[in-house]
Amino acid sequence: MIKIIGITGSLRTNSFNTALLRAATSLVPNETALEIATLKGIPLYDGDVEANEGIPQAVIALQGQIAAADGLLLATPEYNNSIPGVFKNAIDWLSRPPSDIPRIFGGRPVAVMGASPGGFGTVLAQNAWLPVLRTLGTRPWFEGRLLVSRANNVFDESGDMVDEKARKQLQVFLAGFTEFVQGSSKLLVK
């Protein structure tokens, strides 16, 4: 069984990216499990907090989820043409202490997807992730890209994916990423 952890970069309850991850849970290939993790409870990074109180429990829990997974799927919103601050903040915490970066991120297969009400999906946010993923030593999957634009037409008010073309694109994306994860699993630092 391949285990993938999906993280949405939005704290908003009705986030299109959270809805995208929820849709993905039912579209992953057989023998693959997609578990959705949350950024809720992760405070703003503060080196003084880290030095005086240690790593927050919410961060430690998420580090453990990522380290135990075969792959990492990031569902990124795009705020002001880049990565949302809450998402980057979480990654900054997750990379603490630096000596744990190889255990959490080292060689881990990562895919980035995103949904936006705009016409370009999350192309600029996805591009902004590349140097971050490189710095962390991940194995980004470059064979597919999922940019869900006009997300307000793809999901209904309940957050269910109602656009069949988008559903098929998501299913193909997940199949490709799962295949990449499967081929990369022997390279992971565990």
N, C-alpha and C. Protein backbone atom coordinates (compact mmCIF):
# COMPACT_ATOMS: atom_id res chain seq x y z
N MET A 1 0.84 -1.18 0.00
CA MET A 1 0.00 0.00 0.00
C MET A 1 0.89 1.24 0.00
N ILE A 2 0.62 2.14 -0.93
CA ILE A 2 1.34 3.41 -1.00
C ILE A 2 0.57 4.43 -0.17
N LYS A 3 1.30 5.15 0.68
CA LYS A 3 0.67 6.15 1.53
C LYS A 3 1.15 7.53 1.13
N ILE A 4 0.19 8.39 0.81
CA ILE A 4 0.48 9.77 0.42
C ILE A 4 -0.19 10.70 1.44
N ILE A 5 0.55 11.70 1.89
CA ILE A 5 0.00 12.73 2.76
C ILE A 5 -0.31 13.95 1.90
N GLY A 6 -1.52 14.44 1.97
CA GLY A 6 -1.92 15.64 1.25
C GLY A 6 -2.09 16.78 2.23
N ILE A 7 -1.53 17.92 1.90
CA ILE A 7 -1.66 19.11 2.75
C ILE A 7 -2.23 20.24 1.92
N THR A 8 -3.26 20.87 2.44
CA THR A 8 -3.82 22.04 1.78
C THR A 8 -3.21 23.29 2.39
N GLY A 9 -2.93 24.26 1.57
CA GLY A 9 -2.29 25.49 2.03
C GLY A 9 -3.26 26.56 2.44
N SER A 10 -4.47 26.17 2.77
CA SER A 10 -5.48 27.13 3.20
C SER A 10 -6.09 26.67 4.51
N LEU A 11 -6.39 27.61 5.37
CA LEU A 11 -7.07 27.30 6.63
C LEU A 11 -8.59 27.47 6.49
N ARG A 12 -9.02 28.02 5.38
CA ARG A 12 -10.43 28.33 5.18
C ARG A 12 -11.25 27.04 5.04
N THR A 13 -12.35 26.95 5.73
CA THR A 13 -13.19 25.75 5.72
C THR A 13 -13.65 25.40 4.31
N ASN A 14 -14.06 26.40 3.54
CA ASN A 14 -14.57 26.15 2.18
C ASN A 14 -13.52 26.38 1.11
N SER A 15 -12.29 26.08 1.42
CA SER A 15 -11.19 26.26 0.47
C SER A 15 -11.34 25.34 -0.74
N PHE A 16 -11.09 25.90 -1.92
CA PHE A 16 -11.10 25.08 -3.14
C PHE A 16 -9.99 24.03 -3.09
N ASN A 17 -8.87 24.35 -2.48
CA ASN A 17 -7.76 23.41 -2.42
C ASN A 17 -8.03 22.27 -1.45
N THR A 18 -8.74 22.54 -0.38
CA THR A 18 -9.17 21.47 0.51
C THR A 18 -10.17 20.58 -0.22
N ALA A 19 -11.08 21.19 -0.98
CA ALA A 19 -12.04 20.43 -1.77
C ALA A 19 -11.32 19.57 -2.82
N LEU A 20 -10.27 20.10 -3.40
CA LEU A 20 -9.49 19.36 -4.39
C LEU A 20 -8.86 18.12 -3.74
N LEU A 21 -8.30 18.29 -2.55
CA LEU A 21 -7.73 17.14 -1.84
C LEU A 21 -8.80 16.12 -1.47
N ARG A 22 -9.95 16.60 -1.02
CA ARG A 22 -11.04 15.67 -0.68
C ARG A 22 -11.45 14.86 -1.91
N ALA A 23 -11.55 15.52 -3.05
CA ALA A 23 -11.89 14.80 -4.28
C ALA A 23 -10.81 13.78 -4.62
N ALA A 24 -9.57 14.15 -4.37
CA ALA A 24 -8.44 13.26 -4.68
C ALA A 24 -8.48 11.97 -3.87
N THR A 25 -9.01 12.03 -2.64
CA THR A 25 -9.02 10.83 -1.80
C THR A 25 -9.81 9.69 -2.44
N SER A 26 -10.82 10.03 -3.23
CA SER A 26 -11.62 8.97 -3.87
C SER A 26 -11.13 8.63 -5.28
N LEU A 27 -10.12 9.35 -5.75
CA LEU A 27 -9.65 9.12 -7.12
C LEU A 27 -8.25 8.53 -7.21
N VAL A 28 -7.60 8.31 -6.05
CA VAL A 28 -6.26 7.70 -6.09
C VAL A 28 -6.39 6.26 -6.59
N PRO A 29 -5.35 5.74 -7.22
CA PRO A 29 -5.39 4.36 -7.71
C PRO A 29 -5.55 3.35 -6.57
N ASN A 30 -5.95 2.14 -6.92
CA ASN A 30 -6.02 1.06 -5.95
C ASN A 30 -4.66 0.88 -5.29
N GLU A 31 -4.67 0.39 -4.08
CA GLU A 31 -3.45 0.16 -3.31
C GLU A 31 -2.74 1.46 -2.95
N THR A 32 -3.49 2.56 -2.97
CA THR A 32 -2.95 3.87 -2.58
C THR A 32 -3.92 4.50 -1.59
N ALA A 33 -3.36 5.05 -0.52
CA ALA A 33 -4.16 5.78 0.46
C ALA A 33 -3.69 7.22 0.50
N LEU A 34 -4.63 8.13 0.43
CA LEU A 34 -4.33 9.56 0.54
C LEU A 34 -4.96 10.07 1.83
N GLU A 35 -4.10 10.52 2.74
CA GLU A 35 -4.55 11.06 4.02
C GLU A 35 -4.36 12.57 3.99
N ILE A 36 -5.39 13.30 4.38
CA ILE A 36 -5.31 14.76 4.39
C ILE A 36 -4.86 15.23 5.76
N ALA A 37 -3.81 16.03 5.77
CA ALA A 37 -3.28 16.62 7.00
C ALA A 37 -3.66 18.10 7.02
N THR A 38 -3.54 18.70 8.17
CA THR A 38 -3.94 20.10 8.33
C THR A 38 -2.79 20.96 8.85
N LEU A 39 -2.88 22.23 8.53
CA LEU A 39 -1.93 23.22 9.05
C LEU A 39 -2.49 23.91 10.29
N LYS A 40 -3.72 23.61 10.63
CA LYS A 40 -4.35 24.26 11.79
C LYS A 40 -3.54 23.96 13.05
N GLY A 41 -3.36 24.99 13.85
CA GLY A 41 -2.63 24.84 15.10
C GLY A 41 -1.15 25.14 15.01
N ILE A 42 -0.65 25.37 13.80
CA ILE A 42 0.77 25.71 13.64
C ILE A 42 0.91 27.22 13.81
N PRO A 43 1.67 27.66 14.82
CA PRO A 43 1.81 29.10 15.05
C PRO A 43 2.76 29.74 14.04
N LEU A 44 2.81 31.06 14.04
CA LEU A 44 3.80 31.75 13.23
C LEU A 44 5.19 31.37 13.72
N TYR A 45 6.10 31.14 12.77
CA TYR A 45 7.45 30.74 13.16
C TYR A 45 8.11 31.88 13.95
N ASP A 46 8.73 31.50 15.07
CA ASP A 46 9.44 32.44 15.91
C ASP A 46 10.62 31.69 16.51
N GLY A 47 11.82 32.09 16.15
CA GLY A 47 13.02 31.44 16.64
C GLY A 47 13.12 31.46 18.16
N ASP A 48 12.57 32.50 18.80
CA ASP A 48 12.57 32.56 20.25
C ASP A 48 11.67 31.47 20.85
N VAL A 49 10.52 31.25 20.23
CA VAL A 49 9.62 30.18 20.68
C VAL A 49 10.33 28.84 20.53
N GLU A 50 10.98 28.64 19.39
CA GLU A 50 11.69 27.39 19.17
C GLU A 50 12.78 27.19 20.22
N ALA A 51 13.55 28.23 20.51
CA ALA A 51 14.65 28.12 21.47
C ALA A 51 14.15 27.92 22.90
N ASN A 52 13.07 28.59 23.27
CA ASN A 52 12.59 28.56 24.65
C ASN A 52 11.58 27.46 24.95
N GLU A 53 10.78 27.09 23.93
CA GLU A 53 9.70 26.13 24.16
C GLU A 53 9.83 24.88 23.32
N GLY A 54 10.71 24.90 22.33
CA GLY A 54 10.84 23.75 21.44
C GLY A 54 9.88 23.81 20.27
N ILE A 55 9.83 22.72 19.55
CA ILE A 55 8.96 22.62 18.37
C ILE A 55 7.52 22.39 18.85
N PRO A 56 6.56 23.17 18.34
CA PRO A 56 5.16 22.98 18.76
C PRO A 56 4.65 21.57 18.43
N GLN A 57 3.75 21.09 19.25
CA GLN A 57 3.21 19.73 19.08
C GLN A 57 2.54 19.54 17.71
N ALA A 58 1.84 20.56 17.21
CA ALA A 58 1.18 20.44 15.90
C ALA A 58 2.21 20.22 14.79
N VAL A 59 3.37 20.82 14.94
CA VAL A 59 4.45 20.66 13.95
C VAL A 59 5.03 19.25 14.06
N ILE A 60 5.29 18.81 15.28
CA ILE A 60 5.85 17.47 15.49
C ILE A 60 4.92 16.40 14.92
N ALA A 61 3.62 16.57 15.13
CA ALA A 61 2.65 15.61 14.61
C ALA A 61 2.69 15.58 13.08
N LEU A 62 2.73 16.75 12.44
CA LEU A 62 2.76 16.80 10.98
C LEU A 62 4.09 16.27 10.45
N GLN A 63 5.19 16.55 11.12
CA GLN A 63 6.48 15.98 10.73
C GLN A 63 6.40 14.46 10.71
N GLY A 64 5.78 13.89 11.73
CA GLY A 64 5.64 12.44 11.81
C GLY A 64 4.79 11.88 10.68
N GLN A 65 3.71 12.58 10.35
CA GLN A 65 2.85 12.13 9.25
C GLN A 65 3.62 12.13 7.93
N ILE A 66 4.38 13.19 7.68
CA ILE A 66 5.13 13.28 6.43
C ILE A 66 6.22 12.21 6.39
N ALA A 67 6.95 12.06 7.49
CA ALA A 67 8.05 11.09 7.54
C ALA A 67 7.56 9.66 7.34
N ALA A 68 6.33 9.37 7.77
CA ALA A 68 5.78 8.02 7.64
C ALA A 68 5.17 7.75 6.26
N ALA A 69 5.06 8.79 5.44
CA ALA A 69 4.41 8.65 4.14
C ALA A 69 5.43 8.34 3.04
N ASP A 70 4.92 7.78 1.97
CA ASP A 70 5.76 7.51 0.79
C ASP A 70 5.84 8.71 -0.12
N GLY A 71 4.84 9.60 -0.06
CA GLY A 71 4.82 10.77 -0.92
C GLY A 71 4.05 11.90 -0.27
N LEU A 72 4.28 13.10 -0.79
CA LEU A 72 3.66 14.32 -0.25
C LEU A 72 2.99 15.06 -1.39
N LEU A 73 1.71 15.39 -1.20
CA LEU A 73 0.93 16.11 -2.20
C LEU A 73 0.51 17.45 -1.62
N LEU A 74 0.98 18.52 -2.24
CA LEU A 74 0.68 19.87 -1.78
C LEU A 74 -0.41 20.47 -2.66
N ALA A 75 -1.51 20.89 -2.03
CA ALA A 75 -2.59 21.58 -2.74
C ALA A 75 -2.48 23.05 -2.38
N THR A 76 -1.88 23.81 -3.29
CA THR A 76 -1.53 25.19 -2.97
C THR A 76 -2.49 26.20 -3.56
N PRO A 77 -3.02 27.07 -2.72
CA PRO A 77 -3.69 28.26 -3.24
C PRO A 77 -2.62 29.19 -3.82
N GLU A 78 -3.06 30.25 -4.45
CA GLU A 78 -2.13 31.28 -4.93
C GLU A 78 -2.61 32.61 -4.39
N TYR A 79 -1.79 33.20 -3.53
CA TYR A 79 -2.10 34.51 -2.95
C TYR A 79 -1.08 35.50 -3.47
N ASN A 80 -1.53 36.55 -4.10
CA ASN A 80 -0.65 37.60 -4.62
C ASN A 80 0.48 37.02 -5.47
N ASN A 81 0.11 36.09 -6.34
CA ASN A 81 1.02 35.47 -7.30
C ASN A 81 2.11 34.61 -6.68
N SER A 82 1.87 34.05 -5.48
CA SER A 82 2.90 33.23 -4.86
C SER A 82 2.29 32.26 -3.84
N ILE A 83 3.17 31.67 -3.03
CA ILE A 83 2.80 30.71 -1.99
C ILE A 83 2.07 31.46 -0.86
N PRO A 84 0.97 30.92 -0.38
CA PRO A 84 0.31 31.54 0.78
C PRO A 84 1.23 31.54 1.99
N GLY A 85 1.21 32.62 2.75
CA GLY A 85 2.07 32.75 3.91
C GLY A 85 1.89 31.63 4.92
N VAL A 86 0.65 31.19 5.16
CA VAL A 86 0.40 30.14 6.13
C VAL A 86 1.07 28.83 5.71
N PHE A 87 1.12 28.58 4.40
CA PHE A 87 1.73 27.35 3.89
C PHE A 87 3.25 27.41 4.02
N LYS A 88 3.83 28.53 3.63
CA LYS A 88 5.29 28.69 3.74
C LYS A 88 5.71 28.68 5.19
N ASN A 89 4.92 29.30 6.06
CA ASN A 89 5.21 29.28 7.50
C ASN A 89 5.27 27.85 8.03
N ALA A 90 4.31 27.02 7.61
CA ALA A 90 4.30 25.63 8.06
C ALA A 90 5.55 24.90 7.60
N ILE A 91 5.95 25.12 6.37
CA ILE A 91 7.17 24.47 5.86
C ILE A 91 8.38 24.96 6.64
N ASP A 92 8.41 26.23 6.98
CA ASP A 92 9.53 26.75 7.78
C ASP A 92 9.59 26.04 9.13
N TRP A 93 8.46 25.83 9.79
CA TRP A 93 8.44 25.09 11.04
C TRP A 93 8.83 23.63 10.81
N LEU A 94 8.29 23.01 9.74
CA LEU A 94 8.55 21.60 9.47
C LEU A 94 10.03 21.32 9.21
N SER A 95 10.77 22.34 8.82
CA SER A 95 12.19 22.16 8.53
C SER A 95 13.06 22.39 9.77
N ARG A 96 12.44 22.44 10.95
CA ARG A 96 13.15 22.66 12.21
C ARG A 96 13.18 21.39 13.02
N PRO A 97 14.22 21.01 13.65
CA PRO A 97 15.55 21.56 13.46
C PRO A 97 16.10 21.13 12.10
N PRO A 98 17.03 21.88 11.55
CA PRO A 98 17.57 21.56 10.22
C PRO A 98 18.10 20.13 10.10
N SER A 99 18.56 19.56 11.20
CA SER A 99 19.08 18.19 11.15
C SER A 99 17.98 17.17 10.83
N ASP A 100 16.70 17.54 10.98
CA ASP A 100 15.59 16.64 10.67
C ASP A 100 15.12 16.74 9.22
N ILE A 101 15.62 17.70 8.47
CA ILE A 101 15.18 17.87 7.08
C ILE A 101 15.32 16.57 6.28
N PRO A 102 16.46 15.87 6.35
CA PRO A 102 16.56 14.62 5.57
C PRO A 102 15.50 13.58 5.95
N ARG A 103 15.17 13.47 7.23
CA ARG A 103 14.18 12.49 7.68
C ARG A 103 12.78 12.85 7.17
N ILE A 104 12.47 14.11 7.18
CA ILE A 104 11.12 14.55 6.82
C ILE A 104 10.96 14.74 5.31
N PHE A 105 11.93 15.36 4.69
CA PHE A 105 11.80 15.72 3.27
C PHE A 105 12.76 15.00 2.33
N GLY A 106 13.86 14.50 2.85
CA GLY A 106 14.94 13.96 2.02
C GLY A 106 14.50 12.89 1.03
N GLY A 107 14.59 13.19 -0.24
CA GLY A 107 14.24 12.25 -1.29
C GLY A 107 12.75 11.95 -1.39
N ARG A 108 11.92 12.64 -0.61
CA ARG A 108 10.48 12.36 -0.61
C ARG A 108 9.85 12.86 -1.91
N PRO A 109 9.13 11.99 -2.62
CA PRO A 109 8.41 12.42 -3.81
C PRO A 109 7.34 13.44 -3.45
N VAL A 110 7.30 14.54 -4.20
CA VAL A 110 6.35 15.62 -3.93
C VAL A 110 5.70 16.04 -5.25
N ALA A 111 4.38 16.23 -5.18
CA ALA A 111 3.66 16.82 -6.31
C ALA A 111 2.92 18.04 -5.80
N VAL A 112 2.75 19.01 -6.68
CA VAL A 112 2.05 20.24 -6.33
C VAL A 112 0.88 20.41 -7.29
N MET A 113 -0.27 20.72 -6.74
CA MET A 113 -1.45 21.00 -7.55
C MET A 113 -2.16 22.17 -6.90
N GLY A 114 -3.14 22.73 -7.57
CA GLY A 114 -3.84 23.84 -6.96
C GLY A 114 -5.09 24.24 -7.72
N ALA A 115 -5.99 24.88 -6.98
CA ALA A 115 -7.25 25.36 -7.54
C ALA A 115 -7.43 26.83 -7.19
N SER A 116 -7.96 27.57 -8.14
CA SER A 116 -8.13 29.01 -7.95
C SER A 116 -9.37 29.47 -8.70
N PRO A 117 -10.05 30.50 -8.20
CA PRO A 117 -11.17 31.04 -8.96
C PRO A 117 -10.72 31.81 -10.20
N GLY A 118 -9.45 32.14 -10.28
CA GLY A 118 -8.91 32.88 -11.43
C GLY A 118 -8.74 32.01 -12.66
N GLY A 119 -8.30 32.62 -13.73
CA GLY A 119 -8.18 31.95 -15.01
C GLY A 119 -6.88 31.19 -15.24
N PHE A 120 -5.89 31.35 -14.37
CA PHE A 120 -4.60 30.70 -14.59
C PHE A 120 -4.31 29.61 -13.58
N GLY A 121 -5.31 29.20 -12.81
CA GLY A 121 -5.07 28.20 -11.79
C GLY A 121 -4.10 28.75 -10.77
N THR A 122 -3.13 27.96 -10.39
CA THR A 122 -2.14 28.38 -9.40
C THR A 122 -0.74 28.27 -9.97
N VAL A 123 -0.59 28.62 -11.21
CA VAL A 123 0.69 28.43 -11.91
C VAL A 123 1.84 29.17 -11.23
N LEU A 124 1.64 30.38 -10.78
CA LEU A 124 2.74 31.14 -10.17
C LEU A 124 3.08 30.60 -8.79
N ALA A 125 2.09 30.20 -8.02
CA ALA A 125 2.37 29.58 -6.71
C ALA A 125 3.12 28.27 -6.90
N GLN A 126 2.70 27.47 -7.88
CA GLN A 126 3.38 26.20 -8.12
C GLN A 126 4.84 26.43 -8.52
N ASN A 127 5.06 27.42 -9.35
CA ASN A 127 6.45 27.75 -9.72
C ASN A 127 7.26 28.21 -8.52
N ALA A 128 6.62 28.97 -7.62
CA ALA A 128 7.31 29.46 -6.43
C ALA A 128 7.70 28.34 -5.47
N TRP A 129 7.02 27.21 -5.55
CA TRP A 129 7.36 26.07 -4.70
C TRP A 129 8.67 25.41 -5.10
N LEU A 130 9.05 25.50 -6.35
CA LEU A 130 10.21 24.74 -6.83
C LEU A 130 11.50 25.01 -6.06
N PRO A 131 11.91 26.26 -5.83
CA PRO A 131 13.14 26.45 -5.07
C PRO A 131 13.02 25.96 -3.62
N VAL A 132 11.85 26.05 -3.05
CA VAL A 132 11.64 25.57 -1.67
C VAL A 132 11.83 24.06 -1.64
N LEU A 133 11.19 23.36 -2.58
CA LEU A 133 11.28 21.90 -2.62
C LEU A 133 12.70 21.43 -2.91
N ARG A 134 13.40 22.18 -3.75
CA ARG A 134 14.80 21.86 -4.05
C ARG A 134 15.65 22.02 -2.79
N THR A 135 15.46 23.12 -2.07
CA THR A 135 16.23 23.38 -0.85
C THR A 135 16.01 22.29 0.19
N LEU A 136 14.81 21.76 0.27
CA LEU A 136 14.49 20.72 1.25
C LEU A 136 14.96 19.34 0.83
N GLY A 137 15.45 19.20 -0.39
CA GLY A 137 15.97 17.92 -0.85
C GLY A 137 14.91 16.92 -1.26
N THR A 138 13.72 17.41 -1.62
CA THR A 138 12.64 16.52 -2.06
C THR A 138 12.90 16.06 -3.49
N ARG A 139 12.06 15.14 -3.95
CA ARG A 139 12.08 14.69 -5.34
C ARG A 139 10.78 15.16 -6.00
N PRO A 140 10.76 16.41 -6.50
CA PRO A 140 9.53 16.90 -7.14
C PRO A 140 9.18 16.10 -8.39
N TRP A 141 7.89 15.88 -8.57
CA TRP A 141 7.39 15.19 -9.76
C TRP A 141 7.05 16.24 -10.81
N PHE A 142 7.74 16.19 -11.91
CA PHE A 142 7.58 17.20 -12.96
C PHE A 142 6.80 16.71 -14.17
N GLU A 143 6.33 15.46 -14.13
CA GLU A 143 5.67 14.89 -15.31
C GLU A 143 4.23 15.37 -15.49
N GLY A 144 3.66 15.89 -14.44
CA GLY A 144 2.28 16.34 -14.55
C GLY A 144 2.09 17.66 -13.83
N ARG A 145 1.09 18.37 -14.23
CA ARG A 145 0.77 19.63 -13.56
C ARG A 145 -0.75 19.73 -13.54
N LEU A 146 -1.28 20.04 -12.37
CA LEU A 146 -2.72 20.19 -12.27
C LEU A 146 -3.02 21.62 -11.82
N LEU A 147 -3.58 22.37 -12.74
CA LEU A 147 -3.95 23.77 -12.51
C LEU A 147 -5.46 23.87 -12.70
N VAL A 148 -6.19 23.92 -11.62
CA VAL A 148 -7.64 24.02 -11.71
C VAL A 148 -8.02 25.49 -11.67
N SER A 149 -8.44 26.01 -12.82
CA SER A 149 -8.87 27.40 -12.88
C SER A 149 -10.39 27.46 -12.83
N ARG A 150 -10.91 28.66 -12.56
CA ARG A 150 -12.35 28.87 -12.45
C ARG A 150 -12.97 27.84 -11.50
N ALA A 151 -12.30 27.65 -10.35
CA ALA A 151 -12.69 26.62 -9.39
C ALA A 151 -14.12 26.77 -8.90
N ASN A 152 -14.65 27.98 -8.92
CA ASN A 152 -16.03 28.18 -8.49
C ASN A 152 -17.01 27.46 -9.41
N ASN A 153 -16.58 27.08 -10.63
CA ASN A 153 -17.41 26.31 -11.54
C ASN A 153 -17.10 24.81 -11.47
N VAL A 154 -16.00 24.45 -10.83
CA VAL A 154 -15.56 23.06 -10.74
C VAL A 154 -16.15 22.38 -9.49
N PHE A 155 -16.36 23.17 -8.44
CA PHE A 155 -16.90 22.66 -7.17
C PHE A 155 -18.24 23.33 -6.88
N ASP A 156 -19.15 22.57 -6.28
CA ASP A 156 -20.43 23.17 -5.88
C ASP A 156 -20.30 23.80 -4.50
N GLU A 157 -21.40 24.31 -3.97
CA GLU A 157 -21.39 25.01 -2.68
C GLU A 157 -20.96 24.10 -1.53
N SER A 158 -21.13 22.79 -1.69
CA SER A 158 -20.73 21.82 -0.66
C SER A 158 -19.27 21.41 -0.78
N GLY A 159 -18.60 21.90 -1.83
CA GLY A 159 -17.20 21.54 -2.04
C GLY A 159 -17.01 20.25 -2.82
N ASP A 160 -18.08 19.73 -3.40
CA ASP A 160 -17.97 18.53 -4.22
C ASP A 160 -17.55 18.89 -5.63
N MET A 161 -16.66 18.09 -6.20
CA MET A 161 -16.21 18.32 -7.57
C MET A 161 -17.32 17.91 -8.53
N VAL A 162 -17.82 18.86 -9.31
CA VAL A 162 -18.94 18.59 -10.21
C VAL A 162 -18.53 18.65 -11.68
N ASP A 163 -17.32 19.04 -11.96
CA ASP A 163 -16.84 19.13 -13.34
C ASP A 163 -16.13 17.83 -13.71
N GLU A 164 -16.71 17.09 -14.66
CA GLU A 164 -16.16 15.77 -15.03
C GLU A 164 -14.79 15.87 -15.70
N LYS A 165 -14.57 16.92 -16.49
CA LYS A 165 -13.26 17.09 -17.13
C LYS A 165 -12.18 17.29 -16.06
N ALA A 166 -12.46 18.12 -15.08
CA ALA A 166 -11.50 18.34 -13.99
C ALA A 166 -11.29 17.06 -13.19
N ARG A 167 -12.36 16.30 -12.96
CA ARG A 167 -12.25 15.03 -12.24
C ARG A 167 -11.32 14.06 -12.98
N LYS A 168 -11.47 13.98 -14.28
CA LYS A 168 -10.62 13.08 -15.08
C LYS A 168 -9.16 13.56 -15.04
N GLN A 169 -8.95 14.87 -15.15
CA GLN A 169 -7.58 15.41 -15.07
C GLN A 169 -6.96 15.09 -13.72
N LEU A 170 -7.72 15.22 -12.65
CA LEU A 170 -7.22 14.91 -11.32
C LEU A 170 -6.88 13.42 -11.21
N GLN A 171 -7.71 12.58 -11.75
CA GLN A 171 -7.47 11.13 -11.69
C GLN A 171 -6.19 10.76 -12.45
N VAL A 172 -5.98 11.33 -13.61
CA VAL A 172 -4.77 11.07 -14.40
C VAL A 172 -3.54 11.60 -13.66
N PHE A 173 -3.65 12.79 -13.08
CA PHE A 173 -2.57 13.38 -12.30
C PHE A 173 -2.19 12.46 -11.14
N LEU A 174 -3.17 11.99 -10.41
CA LEU A 174 -2.92 11.13 -9.25
C LEU A 174 -2.30 9.79 -9.66
N ALA A 175 -2.74 9.25 -10.78
CA ALA A 175 -2.17 7.99 -11.26
C ALA A 175 -0.69 8.18 -11.60
N GLY A 176 -0.36 9.28 -12.26
CA GLY A 176 1.03 9.56 -12.59
C GLY A 176 1.89 9.77 -11.37
N PHE A 177 1.38 10.53 -10.41
CA PHE A 177 2.15 10.78 -9.20
C PHE A 177 2.33 9.50 -8.39
N THR A 178 1.29 8.68 -8.30
CA THR A 178 1.39 7.42 -7.57
C THR A 178 2.45 6.52 -8.20
N GLU A 179 2.49 6.47 -9.51
CA GLU A 179 3.51 5.67 -10.20
C GLU A 179 4.91 6.20 -9.87
N PHE A 180 5.07 7.51 -9.84
CA PHE A 180 6.34 8.13 -9.49
C PHE A 180 6.73 7.79 -8.05
N VAL A 181 5.77 7.86 -7.14
CA VAL A 181 6.03 7.53 -5.73
C VAL A 181 6.47 6.08 -5.60
N GLN A 182 5.77 5.21 -6.30
CA GLN A 182 6.09 3.79 -6.24
C GLN A 182 7.52 3.54 -6.73
N GLY A 183 7.91 4.21 -7.79
CA GLY A 183 9.27 4.05 -8.32
C GLY A 183 10.32 4.68 -7.45
N SER A 184 9.92 5.65 -6.63
CA SER A 184 10.87 6.37 -5.79
C SER A 184 10.99 5.82 -4.38
N SER A 185 10.12 4.89 -3.99
CA SER A 185 10.02 4.48 -2.59
C SER A 185 11.32 3.88 -2.05
N LYS A 186 12.09 3.24 -2.88
CA LYS A 186 13.34 2.64 -2.37
C LYS A 186 14.42 3.69 -2.12
N LEU A 187 14.22 4.93 -2.59
CA LEU A 187 15.21 6.00 -2.41
C LEU A 187 14.96 6.85 -1.18
N LEU A 188 13.83 6.62 -0.50
CA LEU A 188 13.49 7.46 0.65
C LEU A 188 14.38 7.21 1.85
N VAL A 189 14.67 8.29 2.57
CA VAL A 189 15.38 8.18 3.84
C VAL A 189 14.32 7.94 4.90
N LYS A 190 14.34 6.81 5.57
CA LYS A 190 13.32 6.50 6.61
C LYS A 190 13.97 6.32 7.94
